[in-house]
Amino acid sequence: MWHNRFNLLTESREEIGRRFINTLIKENYGWRKKDLCTFLDEEFDNNVEDINWILKIILEEETWPSAVVVRVLVESGAELQVLNDLGQTALHIAAKKGCEYIVELLFEYSGDENHIDDEGFSYLHAACMYGLDEVVQRFINKGANINVKTFYKKRRNESPLTLCL
C-alpha cells in the first residue's frame, strides 16, 4: 500500500494528466463540476499550460468529451485560440469530430468567430466541411465572414460554401 502511495507522490504532471484523462474518458467516471475544479486546483494548481494540454487531449480522443468537463476546463483558464501545431483551436478540433454540442459550447467562449488556423480554415469552414448546419447558421448570425478564403492543401480561394459542396 505504501509503495503505491509513493508512486502517486512521484508522478509527473503528464502522468497525472494521463491518469485524469483515463479516468475521465475510459472509465466514464461521472465527474461533477465541483470535483473537476477541485482536481484541477489540487493536481495542477490551475496551471494554464496543463489545462490547455488536458483540453487538447480530451478533444482529440476518439470518445466525445463531456460538456461539463470542457466547460470546467474553459472556465479554469484554457486558452482557446491555439491548441495544436496546425494552429487549430479547440473549436476547429471539435468541428472536425462533428461534436456539435461541444462546438456550440466553445463558441460561447471563443470571442472571435473569424479566427483562422495556419491553413486558412475559419470556424465557418470547419462547420461547413463537417455538415454542422445549425452551427453554420449560428456562426453566420454572429457575423462570421462567409467570403473568407482558405489555402487548403495549397489550393487557394476556397470559401466555406465551396468546401461544403
N, C-alpha and C. Protein backbone atom coordinates (compact mmCIF):
# COMPACT_ATOMS: atom_id res chain seq x y z
N MET A 1 0.83 -1.19 0.00
CA MET A 1 0.00 0.00 0.00
C MET A 1 0.87 1.25 0.00
N TRP A 2 1.87 1.29 0.88
CA TRP A 2 2.75 2.46 0.94
C TRP A 2 3.45 2.66 -0.39
N HIS A 3 3.86 1.54 -1.04
CA HIS A 3 4.56 1.62 -2.31
C HIS A 3 3.69 2.35 -3.35
N ASN A 4 2.40 2.04 -3.41
CA ASN A 4 1.50 2.72 -4.35
C ASN A 4 1.40 4.21 -4.05
N ARG A 5 1.34 4.56 -2.78
CA ARG A 5 1.27 5.98 -2.43
C ARG A 5 2.54 6.70 -2.86
N PHE A 6 3.68 6.03 -2.66
CA PHE A 6 4.95 6.65 -3.06
C PHE A 6 4.95 6.93 -4.56
N ASN A 7 4.45 5.98 -5.37
CA ASN A 7 4.39 6.18 -6.81
C ASN A 7 3.51 7.37 -7.16
N LEU A 8 2.40 7.51 -6.48
CA LEU A 8 1.50 8.63 -6.75
C LEU A 8 2.16 9.96 -6.41
N LEU A 9 2.98 9.96 -5.37
CA LEU A 9 3.65 11.20 -4.97
C LEU A 9 4.72 11.62 -5.97
N THR A 10 5.26 10.66 -6.72
CA THR A 10 6.34 10.98 -7.65
C THR A 10 5.86 11.07 -9.10
N GLU A 11 4.57 11.07 -9.31
CA GLU A 11 4.04 11.19 -10.67
C GLU A 11 4.39 12.54 -11.27
N SER A 12 4.70 12.53 -12.54
CA SER A 12 4.92 13.79 -13.25
C SER A 12 3.57 14.42 -13.57
N ARG A 13 3.59 15.67 -13.95
CA ARG A 13 2.34 16.34 -14.34
C ARG A 13 1.69 15.61 -15.51
N GLU A 14 2.51 15.14 -16.45
CA GLU A 14 1.95 14.43 -17.60
C GLU A 14 1.30 13.12 -17.17
N GLU A 15 1.93 12.39 -16.24
CA GLU A 15 1.34 11.15 -15.73
C GLU A 15 0.03 11.43 -15.00
N ILE A 16 0.01 12.49 -14.22
CA ILE A 16 -1.23 12.88 -13.53
C ILE A 16 -2.31 13.20 -14.56
N GLY A 17 -1.91 13.96 -15.58
CA GLY A 17 -2.86 14.31 -16.64
C GLY A 17 -3.39 13.09 -17.36
N ARG A 18 -2.51 12.16 -17.69
CA ARG A 18 -2.94 10.93 -18.37
C ARG A 18 -3.88 10.13 -17.48
N ARG A 19 -3.57 10.05 -16.19
CA ARG A 19 -4.44 9.33 -15.25
C ARG A 19 -5.80 9.99 -15.20
N PHE A 20 -5.80 11.32 -15.15
CA PHE A 20 -7.04 12.09 -15.13
C PHE A 20 -7.85 11.81 -16.38
N ILE A 21 -7.20 11.87 -17.53
CA ILE A 21 -7.90 11.66 -18.80
C ILE A 21 -8.41 10.23 -18.90
N ASN A 22 -7.60 9.27 -18.46
CA ASN A 22 -8.04 7.88 -18.48
C ASN A 22 -9.28 7.69 -17.61
N THR A 23 -9.25 8.27 -16.42
CA THR A 23 -10.41 8.18 -15.52
C THR A 23 -11.61 8.89 -16.13
N LEU A 24 -11.35 10.03 -16.69
CA LEU A 24 -12.41 10.86 -17.25
C LEU A 24 -13.09 10.22 -18.45
N ILE A 25 -12.30 9.68 -19.36
CA ILE A 25 -12.85 9.19 -20.62
C ILE A 25 -13.06 7.68 -20.60
N LYS A 26 -12.03 6.95 -20.31
CA LYS A 26 -12.10 5.49 -20.44
C LYS A 26 -13.01 4.86 -19.40
N GLU A 27 -12.93 5.33 -18.17
CA GLU A 27 -13.73 4.73 -17.11
C GLU A 27 -15.08 5.41 -16.95
N ASN A 28 -15.29 6.49 -17.68
CA ASN A 28 -16.56 7.21 -17.70
C ASN A 28 -17.05 7.57 -16.30
N TYR A 29 -16.14 8.02 -15.48
CA TYR A 29 -16.49 8.45 -14.12
C TYR A 29 -17.39 9.67 -14.22
N GLY A 30 -18.46 9.70 -13.46
CA GLY A 30 -19.42 10.81 -13.52
C GLY A 30 -18.93 12.04 -12.78
N TRP A 31 -18.00 12.77 -13.38
CA TRP A 31 -17.44 13.95 -12.76
C TRP A 31 -18.49 15.03 -12.59
N ARG A 32 -18.50 15.63 -11.43
CA ARG A 32 -19.31 16.82 -11.19
C ARG A 32 -18.40 18.03 -11.29
N LYS A 33 -19.00 19.17 -11.55
CA LYS A 33 -18.22 20.40 -11.73
C LYS A 33 -17.32 20.67 -10.52
N LYS A 34 -17.87 20.51 -9.33
CA LYS A 34 -17.10 20.76 -8.11
C LYS A 34 -15.89 19.84 -8.02
N ASP A 35 -16.07 18.54 -8.36
CA ASP A 35 -14.98 17.57 -8.33
C ASP A 35 -13.88 17.94 -9.32
N LEU A 36 -14.28 18.33 -10.51
CA LEU A 36 -13.31 18.71 -11.54
C LEU A 36 -12.50 19.93 -11.12
N CYS A 37 -13.18 20.93 -10.59
CA CYS A 37 -12.50 22.15 -10.15
C CYS A 37 -11.49 21.83 -9.04
N THR A 38 -11.90 20.99 -8.11
CA THR A 38 -11.01 20.59 -7.01
C THR A 38 -9.80 19.84 -7.55
N PHE A 39 -10.05 18.90 -8.47
CA PHE A 39 -8.95 18.13 -9.05
C PHE A 39 -7.95 19.04 -9.77
N LEU A 40 -8.45 19.93 -10.60
CA LEU A 40 -7.56 20.84 -11.35
C LEU A 40 -6.75 21.71 -10.40
N ASP A 41 -7.39 22.16 -9.34
CA ASP A 41 -6.70 23.02 -8.39
C ASP A 41 -5.64 22.24 -7.61
N GLU A 42 -5.99 21.04 -7.14
CA GLU A 42 -5.07 20.26 -6.32
C GLU A 42 -3.94 19.63 -7.13
N GLU A 43 -4.25 19.10 -8.30
CA GLU A 43 -3.24 18.37 -9.07
C GLU A 43 -2.43 19.26 -10.01
N PHE A 44 -3.03 20.34 -10.47
CA PHE A 44 -2.36 21.17 -11.47
C PHE A 44 -2.21 22.63 -11.06
N ASP A 45 -2.64 22.97 -9.87
CA ASP A 45 -2.58 24.36 -9.39
C ASP A 45 -3.21 25.33 -10.39
N ASN A 46 -4.20 24.84 -11.13
CA ASN A 46 -4.86 25.63 -12.17
C ASN A 46 -3.86 26.23 -13.16
N ASN A 47 -2.79 25.47 -13.44
CA ASN A 47 -1.77 25.89 -14.39
C ASN A 47 -2.35 25.88 -15.80
N VAL A 48 -2.34 27.02 -16.49
CA VAL A 48 -2.98 27.16 -17.80
C VAL A 48 -2.37 26.21 -18.83
N GLU A 49 -1.06 26.03 -18.81
CA GLU A 49 -0.43 25.12 -19.78
C GLU A 49 -0.96 23.70 -19.62
N ASP A 50 -1.10 23.26 -18.38
CA ASP A 50 -1.63 21.92 -18.12
C ASP A 50 -3.09 21.82 -18.53
N ILE A 51 -3.85 22.84 -18.23
CA ILE A 51 -5.27 22.85 -18.58
C ILE A 51 -5.43 22.84 -20.10
N ASN A 52 -4.60 23.61 -20.81
CA ASN A 52 -4.63 23.59 -22.28
C ASN A 52 -4.31 22.19 -22.81
N TRP A 53 -3.30 21.56 -22.22
CA TRP A 53 -2.90 20.22 -22.64
C TRP A 53 -4.04 19.23 -22.43
N ILE A 54 -4.68 19.29 -21.27
CA ILE A 54 -5.80 18.38 -20.98
C ILE A 54 -6.93 18.60 -21.98
N LEU A 55 -7.28 19.85 -22.25
CA LEU A 55 -8.35 20.14 -23.20
C LEU A 55 -8.01 19.59 -24.59
N LYS A 56 -6.79 19.80 -25.03
CA LYS A 56 -6.35 19.31 -26.35
C LYS A 56 -6.48 17.80 -26.43
N ILE A 57 -5.97 17.09 -25.42
CA ILE A 57 -6.01 15.63 -25.42
C ILE A 57 -7.46 15.13 -25.39
N ILE A 58 -8.28 15.73 -24.56
CA ILE A 58 -9.69 15.32 -24.47
C ILE A 58 -10.40 15.50 -25.80
N LEU A 59 -10.16 16.63 -26.46
CA LEU A 59 -10.82 16.89 -27.74
C LEU A 59 -10.32 15.97 -28.85
N GLU A 60 -9.08 15.53 -28.76
CA GLU A 60 -8.52 14.67 -29.80
C GLU A 60 -8.80 13.18 -29.56
N GLU A 61 -9.32 12.82 -28.39
CA GLU A 61 -9.67 11.42 -28.11
C GLU A 61 -10.81 10.98 -29.03
N GLU A 62 -10.91 9.66 -29.25
CA GLU A 62 -11.97 9.13 -30.09
C GLU A 62 -13.35 9.33 -29.46
N THR A 63 -13.42 9.22 -28.16
CA THR A 63 -14.69 9.38 -27.45
C THR A 63 -15.01 10.87 -27.31
N TRP A 64 -16.24 11.23 -27.55
CA TRP A 64 -16.63 12.64 -27.42
C TRP A 64 -16.58 13.05 -25.96
N PRO A 65 -16.06 14.23 -25.70
CA PRO A 65 -15.91 14.68 -24.32
C PRO A 65 -17.24 15.14 -23.70
N SER A 66 -17.24 15.14 -22.40
CA SER A 66 -18.39 15.64 -21.65
C SER A 66 -18.42 17.16 -21.72
N ALA A 67 -19.60 17.71 -21.92
CA ALA A 67 -19.75 19.18 -21.94
C ALA A 67 -19.36 19.77 -20.59
N VAL A 68 -19.64 19.07 -19.51
CA VAL A 68 -19.29 19.56 -18.17
C VAL A 68 -17.77 19.69 -18.06
N VAL A 69 -17.05 18.69 -18.53
CA VAL A 69 -15.59 18.70 -18.45
C VAL A 69 -15.03 19.85 -19.28
N VAL A 70 -15.50 20.00 -20.51
CA VAL A 70 -15.00 21.07 -21.38
C VAL A 70 -15.30 22.43 -20.77
N ARG A 71 -16.51 22.61 -20.25
CA ARG A 71 -16.88 23.89 -19.65
C ARG A 71 -15.97 24.21 -18.45
N VAL A 72 -15.71 23.23 -17.61
CA VAL A 72 -14.84 23.46 -16.44
C VAL A 72 -13.43 23.82 -16.89
N LEU A 73 -12.90 23.12 -17.89
CA LEU A 73 -11.56 23.44 -18.38
C LEU A 73 -11.50 24.86 -18.95
N VAL A 74 -12.52 25.24 -19.69
CA VAL A 74 -12.56 26.60 -20.26
C VAL A 74 -12.68 27.63 -19.15
N GLU A 75 -13.55 27.38 -18.20
CA GLU A 75 -13.73 28.32 -17.09
C GLU A 75 -12.52 28.35 -16.16
N SER A 76 -11.67 27.31 -16.24
CA SER A 76 -10.45 27.27 -15.43
C SER A 76 -9.28 27.94 -16.12
N GLY A 77 -9.53 28.49 -17.30
CA GLY A 77 -8.49 29.28 -17.95
C GLY A 77 -7.89 28.72 -19.22
N ALA A 78 -8.47 27.64 -19.76
CA ALA A 78 -7.93 27.11 -21.02
C ALA A 78 -7.95 28.20 -22.08
N GLU A 79 -6.85 28.29 -22.81
CA GLU A 79 -6.75 29.28 -23.89
C GLU A 79 -7.28 28.63 -25.15
N LEU A 80 -8.31 29.20 -25.73
CA LEU A 80 -9.00 28.55 -26.84
C LEU A 80 -8.43 28.87 -28.21
N GLN A 81 -7.52 29.81 -28.31
CA GLN A 81 -7.11 30.26 -29.63
C GLN A 81 -6.16 29.32 -30.37
N VAL A 82 -5.19 28.71 -29.74
CA VAL A 82 -4.29 27.79 -30.45
C VAL A 82 -4.00 26.60 -29.55
N LEU A 83 -4.30 25.40 -30.07
CA LEU A 83 -4.08 24.20 -29.27
C LEU A 83 -3.11 23.21 -29.90
N ASN A 84 -2.96 23.21 -31.23
CA ASN A 84 -2.06 22.21 -31.81
C ASN A 84 -1.09 22.84 -32.80
N ASP A 85 -0.24 22.02 -33.38
CA ASP A 85 0.83 22.51 -34.26
C ASP A 85 0.32 23.10 -35.57
N LEU A 86 -0.93 22.85 -35.92
CA LEU A 86 -1.51 23.40 -37.15
C LEU A 86 -2.19 24.74 -36.88
N GLY A 87 -2.09 25.21 -35.65
CA GLY A 87 -2.74 26.46 -35.29
C GLY A 87 -4.24 26.30 -35.11
N GLN A 88 -4.69 25.06 -34.98
CA GLN A 88 -6.12 24.81 -34.81
C GLN A 88 -6.52 25.05 -33.36
N THR A 89 -7.72 25.54 -33.22
CA THR A 89 -8.25 25.83 -31.90
C THR A 89 -9.12 24.67 -31.43
N ALA A 90 -9.57 24.77 -30.19
CA ALA A 90 -10.48 23.77 -29.64
C ALA A 90 -11.72 23.66 -30.53
N LEU A 91 -12.19 24.79 -31.02
CA LEU A 91 -13.38 24.80 -31.86
C LEU A 91 -13.14 24.09 -33.19
N HIS A 92 -12.00 24.30 -33.82
CA HIS A 92 -11.66 23.59 -35.06
C HIS A 92 -11.66 22.08 -34.81
N ILE A 93 -11.01 21.66 -33.73
CA ILE A 93 -10.87 20.24 -33.43
C ILE A 93 -12.24 19.61 -33.18
N ALA A 94 -13.08 20.27 -32.41
CA ALA A 94 -14.42 19.75 -32.11
C ALA A 94 -15.27 19.69 -33.38
N ALA A 95 -15.16 20.69 -34.26
CA ALA A 95 -15.92 20.69 -35.51
C ALA A 95 -15.49 19.53 -36.40
N LYS A 96 -14.20 19.28 -36.48
CA LYS A 96 -13.70 18.17 -37.29
C LYS A 96 -14.25 16.83 -36.81
N LYS A 97 -14.48 16.72 -35.51
CA LYS A 97 -15.03 15.48 -34.96
C LYS A 97 -16.55 15.42 -35.12
N GLY A 98 -17.16 16.53 -35.56
CA GLY A 98 -18.61 16.56 -35.69
C GLY A 98 -19.32 16.65 -34.36
N CYS A 99 -18.62 17.14 -33.36
CA CYS A 99 -19.13 17.20 -31.99
C CYS A 99 -19.87 18.53 -31.79
N GLU A 100 -21.09 18.58 -32.30
CA GLU A 100 -21.83 19.83 -32.38
C GLU A 100 -22.06 20.51 -31.02
N TYR A 101 -22.41 19.74 -30.00
CA TYR A 101 -22.68 20.36 -28.70
C TYR A 101 -21.42 20.98 -28.10
N ILE A 102 -20.26 20.41 -28.36
CA ILE A 102 -19.01 20.99 -27.87
C ILE A 102 -18.66 22.23 -28.69
N VAL A 103 -18.89 22.20 -30.00
CA VAL A 103 -18.65 23.38 -30.84
C VAL A 103 -19.49 24.54 -30.33
N GLU A 104 -20.75 24.29 -30.07
CA GLU A 104 -21.63 25.35 -29.59
C GLU A 104 -21.18 25.88 -28.23
N LEU A 105 -20.77 24.98 -27.34
CA LEU A 105 -20.28 25.41 -26.03
C LEU A 105 -19.03 26.27 -26.19
N LEU A 106 -18.07 25.82 -27.00
CA LEU A 106 -16.83 26.57 -27.20
C LEU A 106 -17.09 27.91 -27.88
N PHE A 107 -18.07 27.94 -28.76
CA PHE A 107 -18.39 29.19 -29.46
C PHE A 107 -18.84 30.27 -28.48
N GLU A 108 -19.49 29.85 -27.39
CA GLU A 108 -19.90 30.81 -26.35
C GLU A 108 -18.70 31.55 -25.78
N TYR A 109 -17.54 30.88 -25.73
CA TYR A 109 -16.35 31.42 -25.09
C TYR A 109 -15.29 31.93 -26.08
N SER A 110 -15.45 31.64 -27.36
CA SER A 110 -14.35 31.86 -28.32
C SER A 110 -13.98 33.32 -28.53
N GLY A 111 -14.95 34.19 -28.65
CA GLY A 111 -14.65 35.61 -28.78
C GLY A 111 -14.20 36.06 -30.15
N ASP A 112 -13.98 35.16 -31.10
CA ASP A 112 -13.54 35.56 -32.43
C ASP A 112 -14.09 34.58 -33.46
N GLU A 113 -15.26 34.88 -33.99
CA GLU A 113 -15.90 33.96 -34.94
C GLU A 113 -15.17 33.88 -36.27
N ASN A 114 -14.21 34.76 -36.53
CA ASN A 114 -13.47 34.74 -37.79
C ASN A 114 -12.03 34.25 -37.63
N HIS A 115 -11.72 33.62 -36.51
CA HIS A 115 -10.36 33.10 -36.29
C HIS A 115 -10.04 32.05 -37.36
N ILE A 116 -8.81 32.08 -37.89
CA ILE A 116 -8.39 31.07 -38.86
C ILE A 116 -7.14 30.35 -38.36
N ASP A 117 -6.99 29.09 -38.80
CA ASP A 117 -5.80 28.33 -38.42
C ASP A 117 -4.68 28.59 -39.43
N ASP A 118 -3.60 27.84 -39.32
CA ASP A 118 -2.43 28.07 -40.18
C ASP A 118 -2.67 27.74 -41.65
N GLU A 119 -3.74 27.00 -41.96
CA GLU A 119 -4.08 26.69 -43.34
C GLU A 119 -5.20 27.58 -43.87
N GLY A 120 -5.60 28.56 -43.08
CA GLY A 120 -6.63 29.49 -43.51
C GLY A 120 -8.05 29.04 -43.21
N PHE A 121 -8.21 27.96 -42.45
CA PHE A 121 -9.55 27.48 -42.11
C PHE A 121 -10.15 28.33 -40.99
N SER A 122 -11.33 28.85 -41.26
CA SER A 122 -12.07 29.55 -40.21
C SER A 122 -12.97 28.53 -39.52
N TYR A 123 -13.60 28.96 -38.44
CA TYR A 123 -14.58 28.09 -37.78
C TYR A 123 -15.70 27.75 -38.76
N LEU A 124 -16.09 28.73 -39.57
CA LEU A 124 -17.16 28.51 -40.53
C LEU A 124 -16.76 27.46 -41.56
N HIS A 125 -15.51 27.50 -42.04
CA HIS A 125 -15.04 26.46 -42.96
C HIS A 125 -15.21 25.08 -42.32
N ALA A 126 -14.74 24.94 -41.10
CA ALA A 126 -14.79 23.64 -40.42
C ALA A 126 -16.23 23.17 -40.25
N ALA A 127 -17.11 24.05 -39.84
CA ALA A 127 -18.52 23.67 -39.64
C ALA A 127 -19.16 23.27 -40.97
N CYS A 128 -18.85 23.98 -42.05
CA CYS A 128 -19.39 23.64 -43.37
C CYS A 128 -18.88 22.28 -43.84
N MET A 129 -17.59 22.05 -43.70
CA MET A 129 -16.99 20.80 -44.17
C MET A 129 -17.56 19.58 -43.46
N TYR A 130 -17.92 19.74 -42.21
CA TYR A 130 -18.35 18.59 -41.42
C TYR A 130 -19.86 18.54 -41.21
N GLY A 131 -20.60 19.32 -41.99
CA GLY A 131 -22.05 19.23 -42.00
C GLY A 131 -22.76 19.68 -40.74
N LEU A 132 -22.20 20.63 -40.02
CA LEU A 132 -22.82 21.12 -38.79
C LEU A 132 -23.72 22.31 -39.13
N ASP A 133 -24.86 22.02 -39.73
CA ASP A 133 -25.74 23.04 -40.28
C ASP A 133 -26.18 24.09 -39.27
N GLU A 134 -26.59 23.65 -38.09
CA GLU A 134 -27.04 24.62 -37.08
C GLU A 134 -25.89 25.51 -36.61
N VAL A 135 -24.71 24.93 -36.52
CA VAL A 135 -23.54 25.70 -36.12
C VAL A 135 -23.18 26.71 -37.21
N VAL A 136 -23.27 26.29 -38.47
CA VAL A 136 -23.02 27.21 -39.59
C VAL A 136 -23.93 28.42 -39.47
N GLN A 137 -25.21 28.17 -39.26
CA GLN A 137 -26.16 29.28 -39.15
C GLN A 137 -25.84 30.18 -37.97
N ARG A 138 -25.44 29.59 -36.85
CA ARG A 138 -25.09 30.38 -35.68
C ARG A 138 -23.86 31.26 -35.96
N PHE A 139 -22.84 30.70 -36.63
CA PHE A 139 -21.66 31.50 -36.98
C PHE A 139 -22.04 32.67 -37.89
N ILE A 140 -22.87 32.40 -38.87
CA ILE A 140 -23.30 33.46 -39.79
C ILE A 140 -24.08 34.53 -39.03
N ASN A 141 -24.99 34.11 -38.16
CA ASN A 141 -25.77 35.06 -37.37
C ASN A 141 -24.88 35.93 -36.48
N LYS A 142 -23.75 35.37 -36.02
CA LYS A 142 -22.84 36.12 -35.15
C LYS A 142 -21.85 36.98 -35.94
N GLY A 143 -21.91 36.91 -37.27
CA GLY A 143 -21.06 37.78 -38.07
C GLY A 143 -19.84 37.13 -38.68
N ALA A 144 -19.81 35.80 -38.75
CA ALA A 144 -18.67 35.13 -39.39
C ALA A 144 -18.61 35.55 -40.85
N ASN A 145 -17.41 35.75 -41.34
CA ASN A 145 -17.19 36.19 -42.71
C ASN A 145 -17.43 35.01 -43.66
N ILE A 146 -18.51 35.06 -44.44
CA ILE A 146 -18.83 33.95 -45.34
C ILE A 146 -17.96 33.97 -46.60
N ASN A 147 -17.23 35.04 -46.81
CA ASN A 147 -16.38 35.16 -48.00
C ASN A 147 -14.91 34.90 -47.73
N VAL A 148 -14.54 34.59 -46.49
CA VAL A 148 -13.14 34.35 -46.16
C VAL A 148 -12.63 33.16 -46.99
N LYS A 149 -11.43 33.31 -47.52
CA LYS A 149 -10.85 32.27 -48.38
C LYS A 149 -9.78 31.50 -47.61
N THR A 150 -9.60 30.26 -47.99
CA THR A 150 -8.59 29.42 -47.38
C THR A 150 -7.54 29.04 -48.40
N PHE A 151 -6.46 28.47 -47.95
CA PHE A 151 -5.45 27.95 -48.87
C PHE A 151 -5.24 26.47 -48.56
N TYR A 152 -6.32 25.77 -48.36
CA TYR A 152 -6.36 24.35 -48.04
C TYR A 152 -5.60 23.52 -49.08
N LYS A 153 -4.66 22.73 -48.64
CA LYS A 153 -3.86 21.85 -49.49
C LYS A 153 -3.30 22.59 -50.70
N LYS A 154 -2.83 23.77 -50.45
CA LYS A 154 -2.20 24.61 -51.45
C LYS A 154 -3.16 25.09 -52.54
N ARG A 155 -4.46 24.78 -52.42
CA ARG A 155 -5.45 25.35 -53.33
C ARG A 155 -5.92 26.63 -52.68
N ARG A 156 -5.98 27.67 -53.43
CA ARG A 156 -6.33 28.96 -52.86
C ARG A 156 -7.78 29.32 -53.18
N ASN A 157 -8.26 30.31 -52.45
CA ASN A 157 -9.56 30.92 -52.72
C ASN A 157 -10.74 29.96 -52.54
N GLU A 158 -10.73 29.18 -51.49
CA GLU A 158 -11.86 28.31 -51.19
C GLU A 158 -12.68 28.94 -50.07
N SER A 159 -13.91 29.23 -50.38
CA SER A 159 -14.80 29.80 -49.37
C SER A 159 -15.46 28.66 -48.60
N PRO A 160 -16.10 28.96 -47.48
CA PRO A 160 -16.82 27.91 -46.75
C PRO A 160 -17.85 27.21 -47.64
N LEU A 161 -18.53 27.96 -48.50
CA LEU A 161 -19.55 27.38 -49.38
C LEU A 161 -18.94 26.34 -50.32
N THR A 162 -17.80 26.65 -50.95
CA THR A 162 -17.20 25.68 -51.87
C THR A 162 -16.71 24.43 -51.15
N LEU A 163 -16.33 24.55 -49.91
CA LEU A 163 -15.86 23.39 -49.16
C LEU A 163 -17.00 22.47 -48.72
N CYS A 164 -18.19 22.98 -48.63
CA CYS A 164 -19.29 22.12 -48.17
C CYS A 164 -20.03 21.48 -49.34
N LEU A 165 -19.66 21.81 -50.56
CA LEU A 165 -20.30 21.21 -51.74
C LEU A 165 -19.67 19.89 -52.12
